[in-house]
Amino acid sequence: MNITRRTFTAALSLAGASAALGLSPWQFFSPASAQTAAEINQAGELGDMALGSKDAPVTIIEYASMTCPHCAAFTKDVFPQIKTNYIDTGKVRFIFREFPLDQVALAASALARCVAKDDAPKYFAIVDILFKQQNDLASDALSTINRVGKQAGFSEQMIKDCVQSDPKIQKGILDVREHAYTKLKVNSTPFFFVNGTVVKGETSFEAFEKMIKPLLKS
């Protein structure tokens, strides 16, 4: 049994920031207030997917869409350097939150959640695979999601049950997206919070490093 286009059309409607695909140069804003900090740290019903020590002095939260080319570029070119230099050394805790800009991204995010369950390293590995196959997602989303799911050990029925028939997964992802958009003013991807400071737009390892190093000394 193959996934049909109902997988995507039956999903909850994506509104608001879906059109916000254009990214501006790096912009920095003042750190969040105490109340906003609590809102930033609020995990959705599905829980956060995170790598790194809970006691790390720096927390980076990324909001990303699986169909966002800039998000894919960050995952490929920048994230590995952050992981090696800061996450693996206990200095940074990195949280990835889904912010799907379309129904294909929603389906891909749902698959990653189902495959990984509560295994964060496995989740990040699936996300990395999906980003690497982003062109295939754009040209043939149904086949690509089926292929990635099977590579992860899922049957076609398990993939369908996850992506099409599990309202809890889709609702959990969309609730996080809605909270980010309405409460945190997330309006593009990738969108980051670094210890409460907003960073959005084009990204580089050097720019992140300039933010991280002073926080490690404070």
C-alpha atoms as a PDB file:
ATOM      1  CA  MET A   1       0.000   0.000   0.000  1.00  0.00           C
ATOM      2  CA  ASN A   2       1.508   3.322  -1.051  1.00  0.00           C
ATOM      3  CA  ILE A   3       1.037   6.698   0.526  1.00  0.00           C
ATOM      4  CA  THR A   4      -1.436   8.712  -1.514  1.00  0.00           C
ATOM      5  CA  ARG A   5      -1.821  12.435  -1.919  1.00  0.00           C
ATOM      6  CA  ARG A   6      -4.405  12.309   0.860  1.00  0.00           C
ATOM      7  CA  THR A   7      -1.371  12.130   3.116  1.00  0.00           C
ATOM      8  CA  PHE A   8      -0.814  15.788   2.421  1.00  0.00           C
ATOM      9  CA  THR A   9      -4.258  17.166   1.602  1.00  0.00           C
ATOM     10  CA  ALA A  10      -5.803  15.611   4.704  1.00  0.00           C
ATOM     11  CA  ALA A  11      -3.242  17.279   6.950  1.00  0.00           C
ATOM     12  CA  LEU A  12      -4.210  20.322   8.948  1.00  0.00           C
ATOM     13  CA  SER A  13      -3.986  23.558   6.979  1.00  0.00           C
ATOM     14  CA  LEU A  14      -0.723  25.437   7.326  1.00  0.00           C
ATOM     15  CA  ALA A  15      -1.303  29.171   7.690  1.00  0.00           C
ATOM     16  CA  GLY A  16       0.541  32.277   8.695  1.00  0.00           C
ATOM     17  CA  ALA A  17       4.262  31.951   7.972  1.00  0.00           C
ATOM     18  CA  SER A  18       4.004  29.536   5.079  1.00  0.00           C
ATOM     19  CA  ALA A  19       4.792  32.307   2.633  1.00  0.00           C
ATOM     20  CA  ALA A  20       7.788  33.554   4.595  1.00  0.00           C
ATOM     21  CA  LEU A  21      10.447  31.801   2.551  1.00  0.00           C
ATOM     22  CA  GLY A  22      12.717  34.765   1.878  1.00  0.00           C
ATOM     23  CA  LEU A  23      15.557  35.160   4.346  1.00  0.00           C
ATOM     24  CA  SER A  24      17.247  38.399   5.335  1.00  0.00           C
ATOM     25  CA  PRO A  25      20.889  38.824   6.380  1.00  0.00           C
ATOM     26  CA  TRP A  26      21.725  38.036   9.984  1.00  0.00           C
ATOM     27  CA  GLN A  27      19.721  40.080  12.429  1.00  0.00           C
ATOM     28  CA  PHE A  28      20.273  40.229  16.188  1.00  0.00           C
ATOM     29  CA  PHE A  29      17.749  41.358  18.749  1.00  0.00           C
ATOM     30  CA  SER A  30      17.819  41.945  22.476  1.00  0.00           C
ATOM     31  CA  PRO A  31      17.678  38.898  24.744  1.00  0.00           C
ATOM     32  CA  ALA A  32      14.190  37.790  25.688  1.00  0.00           C
ATOM     33  CA  SER A  33      12.465  38.912  28.859  1.00  0.00           C
ATOM     34  CA  ALA A  34      11.944  36.378  31.672  1.00  0.00           C
ATOM     35  CA  GLN A  35       8.399  35.704  30.536  1.00  0.00           C
ATOM     36  CA  THR A  36       9.443  35.261  26.909  1.00  0.00           C
ATOM     37  CA  ALA A  37      12.318  33.041  28.006  1.00  0.00           C
ATOM     38  CA  ALA A  38       9.794  30.699  29.576  1.00  0.00           C
ATOM     39  CA  GLU A  39       7.834  30.704  26.325  1.00  0.00           C
ATOM     40  CA  ILE A  40      11.003  30.015  24.332  1.00  0.00           C
ATOM     41  CA  ASN A  41      11.871  27.064  26.551  1.00  0.00           C
ATOM     42  CA  GLN A  42       8.370  25.618  26.349  1.00  0.00           C
ATOM     43  CA  ALA A  43       8.479  22.241  24.640  1.00  0.00           C
ATOM     44  CA  GLY A  44       5.465  20.945  22.767  1.00  0.00           C
ATOM     45  CA  GLU A  45       3.421  17.872  23.595  1.00  0.00           C
ATOM     46  CA  LEU A  46       5.813  15.646  21.621  1.00  0.00           C
ATOM     47  CA  GLY A  47       8.798  16.893  23.620  1.00  0.00           C
ATOM     48  CA  ASP A  48      11.996  18.475  22.359  1.00  0.00           C
ATOM     49  CA  MET A  49      14.599  16.677  20.292  1.00  0.00           C
ATOM     50  CA  ALA A  50      17.963  17.771  21.675  1.00  0.00           C
ATOM     51  CA  LEU A  51      21.653  16.920  21.588  1.00  0.00           C
ATOM     52  CA  GLY A  52      24.176  17.940  24.227  1.00  0.00           C
ATOM     53  CA  SER A  53      24.322  18.252  27.966  1.00  0.00           C
ATOM     54  CA  LYS A  54      21.317  19.633  29.828  1.00  0.00           C
ATOM     55  CA  ASP A  55      23.838  21.548  31.932  1.00  0.00           C
ATOM     56  CA  ALA A  56      25.513  23.225  28.942  1.00  0.00           C
ATOM     57  CA  PRO A  57      25.955  26.989  29.455  1.00  0.00           C
ATOM     58  CA  VAL A  58      24.601  27.745  25.966  1.00  0.00           C
ATOM     59  CA  THR A  59      21.340  26.543  24.438  1.00  0.00           C
ATOM     60  CA  ILE A  60      20.644  26.912  20.729  1.00  0.00           C
ATOM     61  CA  ILE A  61      17.106  26.317  19.498  1.00  0.00           C
ATOM     62  CA  GLU A  62      16.542  25.973  15.769  1.00  0.00           C
ATOM     63  CA  TYR A  63      13.160  26.216  14.031  1.00  0.00           C
ATOM     64  CA  ALA A  64      13.401  24.608  10.608  1.00  0.00           C
ATOM     65  CA  SER A  65      11.325  23.260   7.735  1.00  0.00           C
ATOM     66  CA  MET A  66      12.322  20.097   5.899  1.00  0.00           C
ATOM     67  CA  THR A  67      11.638  21.864   2.581  1.00  0.00           C
ATOM     68  CA  CYS A  68      13.729  24.951   3.383  1.00  0.00           C
ATOM     69  CA  PRO A  69      16.981  25.051   1.325  1.00  0.00           C
ATOM     70  CA  HIS A  70      18.692  27.348   3.840  1.00  0.00           C
ATOM     71  CA  CYS A  71      17.864  24.872   6.616  1.00  0.00           C
ATOM     72  CA  ALA A  72      19.374  22.058   4.564  1.00  0.00           C
ATOM     73  CA  ALA A  73      22.511  24.132   3.961  1.00  0.00           C
ATOM     74  CA  PHE A  74      22.841  24.847   7.686  1.00  0.00           C
ATOM     75  CA  THR A  75      22.495  21.154   8.525  1.00  0.00           C
ATOM     76  CA  LYS A  76      25.101  20.216   5.937  1.00  0.00           C
ATOM     77  CA  ASP A  77      27.687  22.974   6.350  1.00  0.00           C
ATOM     78  CA  VAL A  78      27.327  24.558   9.792  1.00  0.00           C
ATOM     79  CA  PHE A  79      25.730  22.117  12.217  1.00  0.00           C
ATOM     80  CA  PRO A  80      28.550  19.497  12.040  1.00  0.00           C
ATOM     81  CA  GLN A  81      31.068  22.150  13.129  1.00  0.00           C
ATOM     82  CA  ILE A  82      28.843  23.279  16.007  1.00  0.00           C
ATOM     83  CA  LYS A  83      28.396  19.653  17.048  1.00  0.00           C
ATOM     84  CA  THR A  84      32.106  18.835  17.012  1.00  0.00           C
ATOM     85  CA  ASN A  85      33.286  22.023  18.699  1.00  0.00           C
ATOM     86  CA  TYR A  86      30.503  22.779  21.141  1.00  0.00           C
ATOM     87  CA  ILE A  87      27.805  20.090  21.476  1.00  0.00           C
ATOM     88  CA  ASP A  88      30.122  17.096  21.858  1.00  0.00           C
ATOM     89  CA  THR A  89      32.307  19.046  24.313  1.00  0.00           C
ATOM     90  CA  GLY A  90      29.402  19.848  26.638  1.00  0.00           C
ATOM     91  CA  LYS A  91      29.323  23.571  25.926  1.00  0.00           C
ATOM     92  CA  VAL A  92      26.125  23.744  23.845  1.00  0.00           C
ATOM     93  CA  ARG A  93      22.754  22.046  24.039  1.00  0.00           C
ATOM     94  CA  PHE A  94      21.087  22.061  20.616  1.00  0.00           C
ATOM     95  CA  ILE A  95      17.317  21.741  20.247  1.00  0.00           C
ATOM     96  CA  PHE A  96      15.649  21.176  16.870  1.00  0.00           C
ATOM     97  CA  ARG A  97      11.992  22.170  16.516  1.00  0.00           C
ATOM     98  CA  GLU A  98       9.837  21.570  13.458  1.00  0.00           C
ATOM     99  CA  PHE A  99       8.391  24.597  11.671  1.00  0.00           C
ATOM    100  CA  PRO A 100       6.888  23.090   8.487  1.00  0.00           C
ATOM    101  CA  LEU A 101       6.242  25.612   5.732  1.00  0.00           C
ATOM    102  CA  ASP A 102       4.152  23.211   3.667  1.00  0.00           C
ATOM    103  CA  GLN A 103       2.487  19.822   3.837  1.00  0.00           C
ATOM    104  CA  VAL A 104       5.489  17.954   2.429  1.00  0.00           C
ATOM    105  CA  ALA A 105       7.605  19.307   5.293  1.00  0.00           C
ATOM    106  CA  LEU A 106       4.884  18.294   7.743  1.00  0.00           C
ATOM    107  CA  ALA A 107       4.848  14.733   6.408  1.00  0.00           C
ATOM    108  CA  ALA A 108       8.654  14.489   6.468  1.00  0.00           C
ATOM    109  CA  SER A 109       8.781  15.792  10.040  1.00  0.00           C
ATOM    110  CA  ALA A 110       6.104  13.320  11.091  1.00  0.00           C
ATOM    111  CA  LEU A 111       8.145  10.474   9.609  1.00  0.00           C
ATOM    112  CA  ALA A 112      11.249  11.538  11.538  1.00  0.00           C
ATOM    113  CA  ARG A 113       9.252  11.652  14.765  1.00  0.00           C
ATOM    114  CA  CYS A 114       7.725   8.215  14.209  1.00  0.00           C
ATOM    115  CA  VAL A 115      10.990   6.551  13.262  1.00  0.00           C
ATOM    116  CA  ALA A 116      12.986   8.034  16.141  1.00  0.00           C
ATOM    117  CA  LYS A 117      10.341   7.973  18.880  1.00  0.00           C
ATOM    118  CA  ASP A 118      12.310   9.296  21.902  1.00  0.00           C
ATOM    119  CA  ASP A 119      15.761   8.597  20.453  1.00  0.00           C
ATOM    120  CA  ALA A 120      17.214  12.067  19.770  1.00  0.00           C
ATOM    121  CA  PRO A 121      20.412  10.932  17.968  1.00  0.00           C
ATOM    122  CA  LYS A 122      18.289   8.750  15.689  1.00  0.00           C
ATOM    123  CA  TYR A 123      15.953  11.678  15.065  1.00  0.00           C
ATOM    124  CA  PHE A 124      18.827  13.960  14.065  1.00  0.00           C
ATOM    125  CA  ALA A 125      20.154  11.225  11.766  1.00  0.00           C
ATOM    126  CA  ILE A 126      16.786  10.930   9.979  1.00  0.00           C
ATOM    127  CA  VAL A 127      16.512  14.712   9.681  1.00  0.00           C
ATOM    128  CA  ASP A 128      19.987  14.777   8.134  1.00  0.00           C
ATOM    129  CA  ILE A 129      18.974  12.114   5.597  1.00  0.00           C
ATOM    130  CA  LEU A 130      15.795  13.983   4.678  1.00  0.00           C
ATOM    131  CA  PHE A 131      17.670  17.258   4.216  1.00  0.00           C
ATOM    132  CA  LYS A 132      20.190  15.523   1.967  1.00  0.00           C
ATOM    133  CA  GLN A 133      17.312  14.262  -0.167  1.00  0.00           C
ATOM    134  CA  GLN A 134      15.491  17.583  -0.246  1.00  0.00           C
ATOM    135  CA  ASN A 135      15.578  17.784  -4.045  1.00  0.00           C
ATOM    136  CA  ASP A 136      13.865  14.400  -4.208  1.00  0.00           C
ATOM    137  CA  LEU A 137      11.276  15.595  -1.692  1.00  0.00           C
ATOM    138  CA  ALA A 138      10.540  18.528  -3.965  1.00  0.00           C
ATOM    139  CA  SER A 139      10.212  16.429  -7.114  1.00  0.00           C
ATOM    140  CA  ASP A 140       8.534  13.302  -5.707  1.00  0.00           C
ATOM    141  CA  ALA A 141       7.660  13.644  -2.049  1.00  0.00           C
ATOM    142  CA  LEU A 142       5.614  10.474  -1.771  1.00  0.00           C
ATOM    143  CA  SER A 143       8.306   8.153  -3.117  1.00  0.00           C
ATOM    144  CA  THR A 144      11.044   9.868  -1.130  1.00  0.00           C
ATOM    145  CA  ILE A 145       9.199   9.566   2.179  1.00  0.00           C
ATOM    146  CA  ASN A 146       8.452   5.922   1.414  1.00  0.00           C
ATOM    147  CA  ARG A 147      12.113   5.263   0.571  1.00  0.00           C
ATOM    148  CA  VAL A 148      13.527   6.956   3.658  1.00  0.00           C
ATOM    149  CA  GLY A 149      10.991   5.233   5.882  1.00  0.00           C
ATOM    150  CA  LYS A 150      11.892   1.815   4.468  1.00  0.00           C
ATOM    151  CA  GLN A 151      15.608   2.530   4.898  1.00  0.00           C
ATOM    152  CA  ALA A 152      14.819   3.190   8.564  1.00  0.00           C
ATOM    153  CA  GLY A 153      13.110  -0.185   8.878  1.00  0.00           C
ATOM    154  CA  PHE A 154       9.472   0.836   8.448  1.00  0.00           C
ATOM    155  CA  SER A 155       7.035  -1.033   6.247  1.00  0.00           C
ATOM    156  CA  GLU A 156       4.825   0.895   3.820  1.00  0.00           C
ATOM    157  CA  GLN A 157       1.886   0.368   6.160  1.00  0.00           C
ATOM    158  CA  MET A 158       3.854   1.732   9.118  1.00  0.00           C
ATOM    159  CA  ILE A 159       4.831   4.779   7.055  1.00  0.00           C
ATOM    160  CA  LYS A 160       1.234   5.366   6.040  1.00  0.00           C
ATOM    161  CA  ASP A 161      -0.001   4.947   9.613  1.00  0.00           C
ATOM    162  CA  CYS A 162       2.553   7.498  10.797  1.00  0.00           C
ATOM    163  CA  VAL A 163       2.276  10.138   8.104  1.00  0.00           C
ATOM    164  CA  GLN A 164      -1.407   9.861   7.271  1.00  0.00           C
ATOM    165  CA  SER A 165      -3.223   8.305  10.190  1.00  0.00           C
ATOM    166  CA  ASP A 166      -1.524   9.589  13.339  1.00  0.00           C
ATOM    167  CA  PRO A 167      -3.215  12.882  14.252  1.00  0.00           C
ATOM    168  CA  LYS A 168      -1.213  13.189  17.478  1.00  0.00           C
ATOM    169  CA  ILE A 169       2.073  13.522  15.586  1.00  0.00           C
ATOM    170  CA  GLN A 170       0.772  16.073  13.083  1.00  0.00           C
ATOM    171  CA  LYS A 171      -1.072  18.068  15.759  1.00  0.00           C
ATOM    172  CA  GLY A 172       1.998  18.076  17.993  1.00  0.00           C
ATOM    173  CA  ILE A 173       4.180  19.442  15.202  1.00  0.00           C
ATOM    174  CA  LEU A 174       1.635  22.066  14.164  1.00  0.00           C
ATOM    175  CA  ASP A 175       1.052  23.165  17.761  1.00  0.00           C
ATOM    176  CA  VAL A 176       4.776  23.864  18.139  1.00  0.00           C
ATOM    177  CA  ARG A 177       4.702  25.782  14.880  1.00  0.00           C
ATOM    178  CA  GLU A 178       1.704  27.844  15.969  1.00  0.00           C
ATOM    179  CA  HIS A 179       3.283  28.648  19.345  1.00  0.00           C
ATOM    180  CA  ALA A 180       6.494  29.723  17.629  1.00  0.00           C
ATOM    181  CA  TYR A 181       4.675  31.921  15.149  1.00  0.00           C
ATOM    182  CA  THR A 182       2.200  33.587  17.513  1.00  0.00           C
ATOM    183  CA  LYS A 183       4.210  33.796  20.736  1.00  0.00           C
ATOM    184  CA  LEU A 184       7.838  33.909  19.599  1.00  0.00           C
ATOM    185  CA  LYS A 185       7.359  35.735  16.273  1.00  0.00           C
ATOM    186  CA  VAL A 186       9.145  33.053  14.277  1.00  0.00           C
ATOM    187  CA  ASN A 187       8.418  34.060  10.679  1.00  0.00           C
ATOM    188  CA  SER A 188      11.140  32.450   8.566  1.00  0.00           C
ATOM    189  CA  THR A 189      13.453  29.458   8.544  1.00  0.00           C
ATOM    190  CA  PRO A 190      15.984  28.734   9.791  1.00  0.00           C
ATOM    191  CA  PHE A 191      15.256  30.761  12.908  1.00  0.00           C
ATOM    192  CA  PHE A 192      17.401  30.425  16.038  1.00  0.00           C
ATOM    193  CA  PHE A 193      17.414  31.387  19.685  1.00  0.00           C
ATOM    194  CA  VAL A 194      20.866  31.460  21.285  1.00  0.00           C
ATOM    195  CA  ASN A 195      20.354  31.764  25.040  1.00  0.00           C
ATOM    196  CA  GLY A 196      17.212  33.742  24.281  1.00  0.00           C
ATOM    197  CA  THR A 197      18.711  36.015  21.624  1.00  0.00           C
ATOM    198  CA  VAL A 198      17.063  35.811  18.220  1.00  0.00           C
ATOM    199  CA  VAL A 199      19.176  35.009  15.185  1.00  0.00           C
ATOM    200  CA  LYS A 200      17.630  34.584  11.759  1.00  0.00           C
ATOM    201  CA  GLY A 201      18.681  34.620   8.151  1.00  0.00           C
ATOM    202  CA  GLU A 202      21.856  33.472   6.460  1.00  0.00           C
ATOM    203  CA  THR A 203      24.034  31.471   8.824  1.00  0.00           C
ATOM    204  CA  SER A 204      27.702  30.594   9.215  1.00  0.00           C
ATOM    205  CA  PHE A 205      29.751  28.761  11.813  1.00  0.00           C
ATOM    206  CA  GLU A 206      31.896  31.855  12.385  1.00  0.00           C
ATOM    207  CA  ALA A 207      28.831  33.963  13.204  1.00  0.00           C
ATOM    208  CA  PHE A 208      27.590  31.399  15.702  1.00  0.00           C
ATOM    209  CA  GLU A 209      31.029  31.164  17.250  1.00  0.00           C
ATOM    210  CA  LYS A 210      31.094  34.936  17.811  1.00  0.00           C
ATOM    211  CA  MET A 211      27.889  34.570  19.802  1.00  0.00           C
ATOM    212  CA  ILE A 212      28.826  31.419  21.681  1.00  0.00           C
ATOM    213  CA  LYS A 213      32.298  32.341  22.956  1.00  0.00           C
ATOM    214  CA  PRO A 214      31.264  35.368  25.075  1.00  0.00           C
ATOM    215  CA  LEU A 215      28.442  33.308  26.609  1.00  0.00           C
ATOM    216  CA  LEU A 216      30.938  30.676  27.716  1.00  0.00           C
ATOM    217  CA  LYS A 217      32.950  33.337  29.572  1.00  0.00           C
ATOM    218  CA  SER A 218      29.992  34.973  31.298  1.00  0.00           C
END
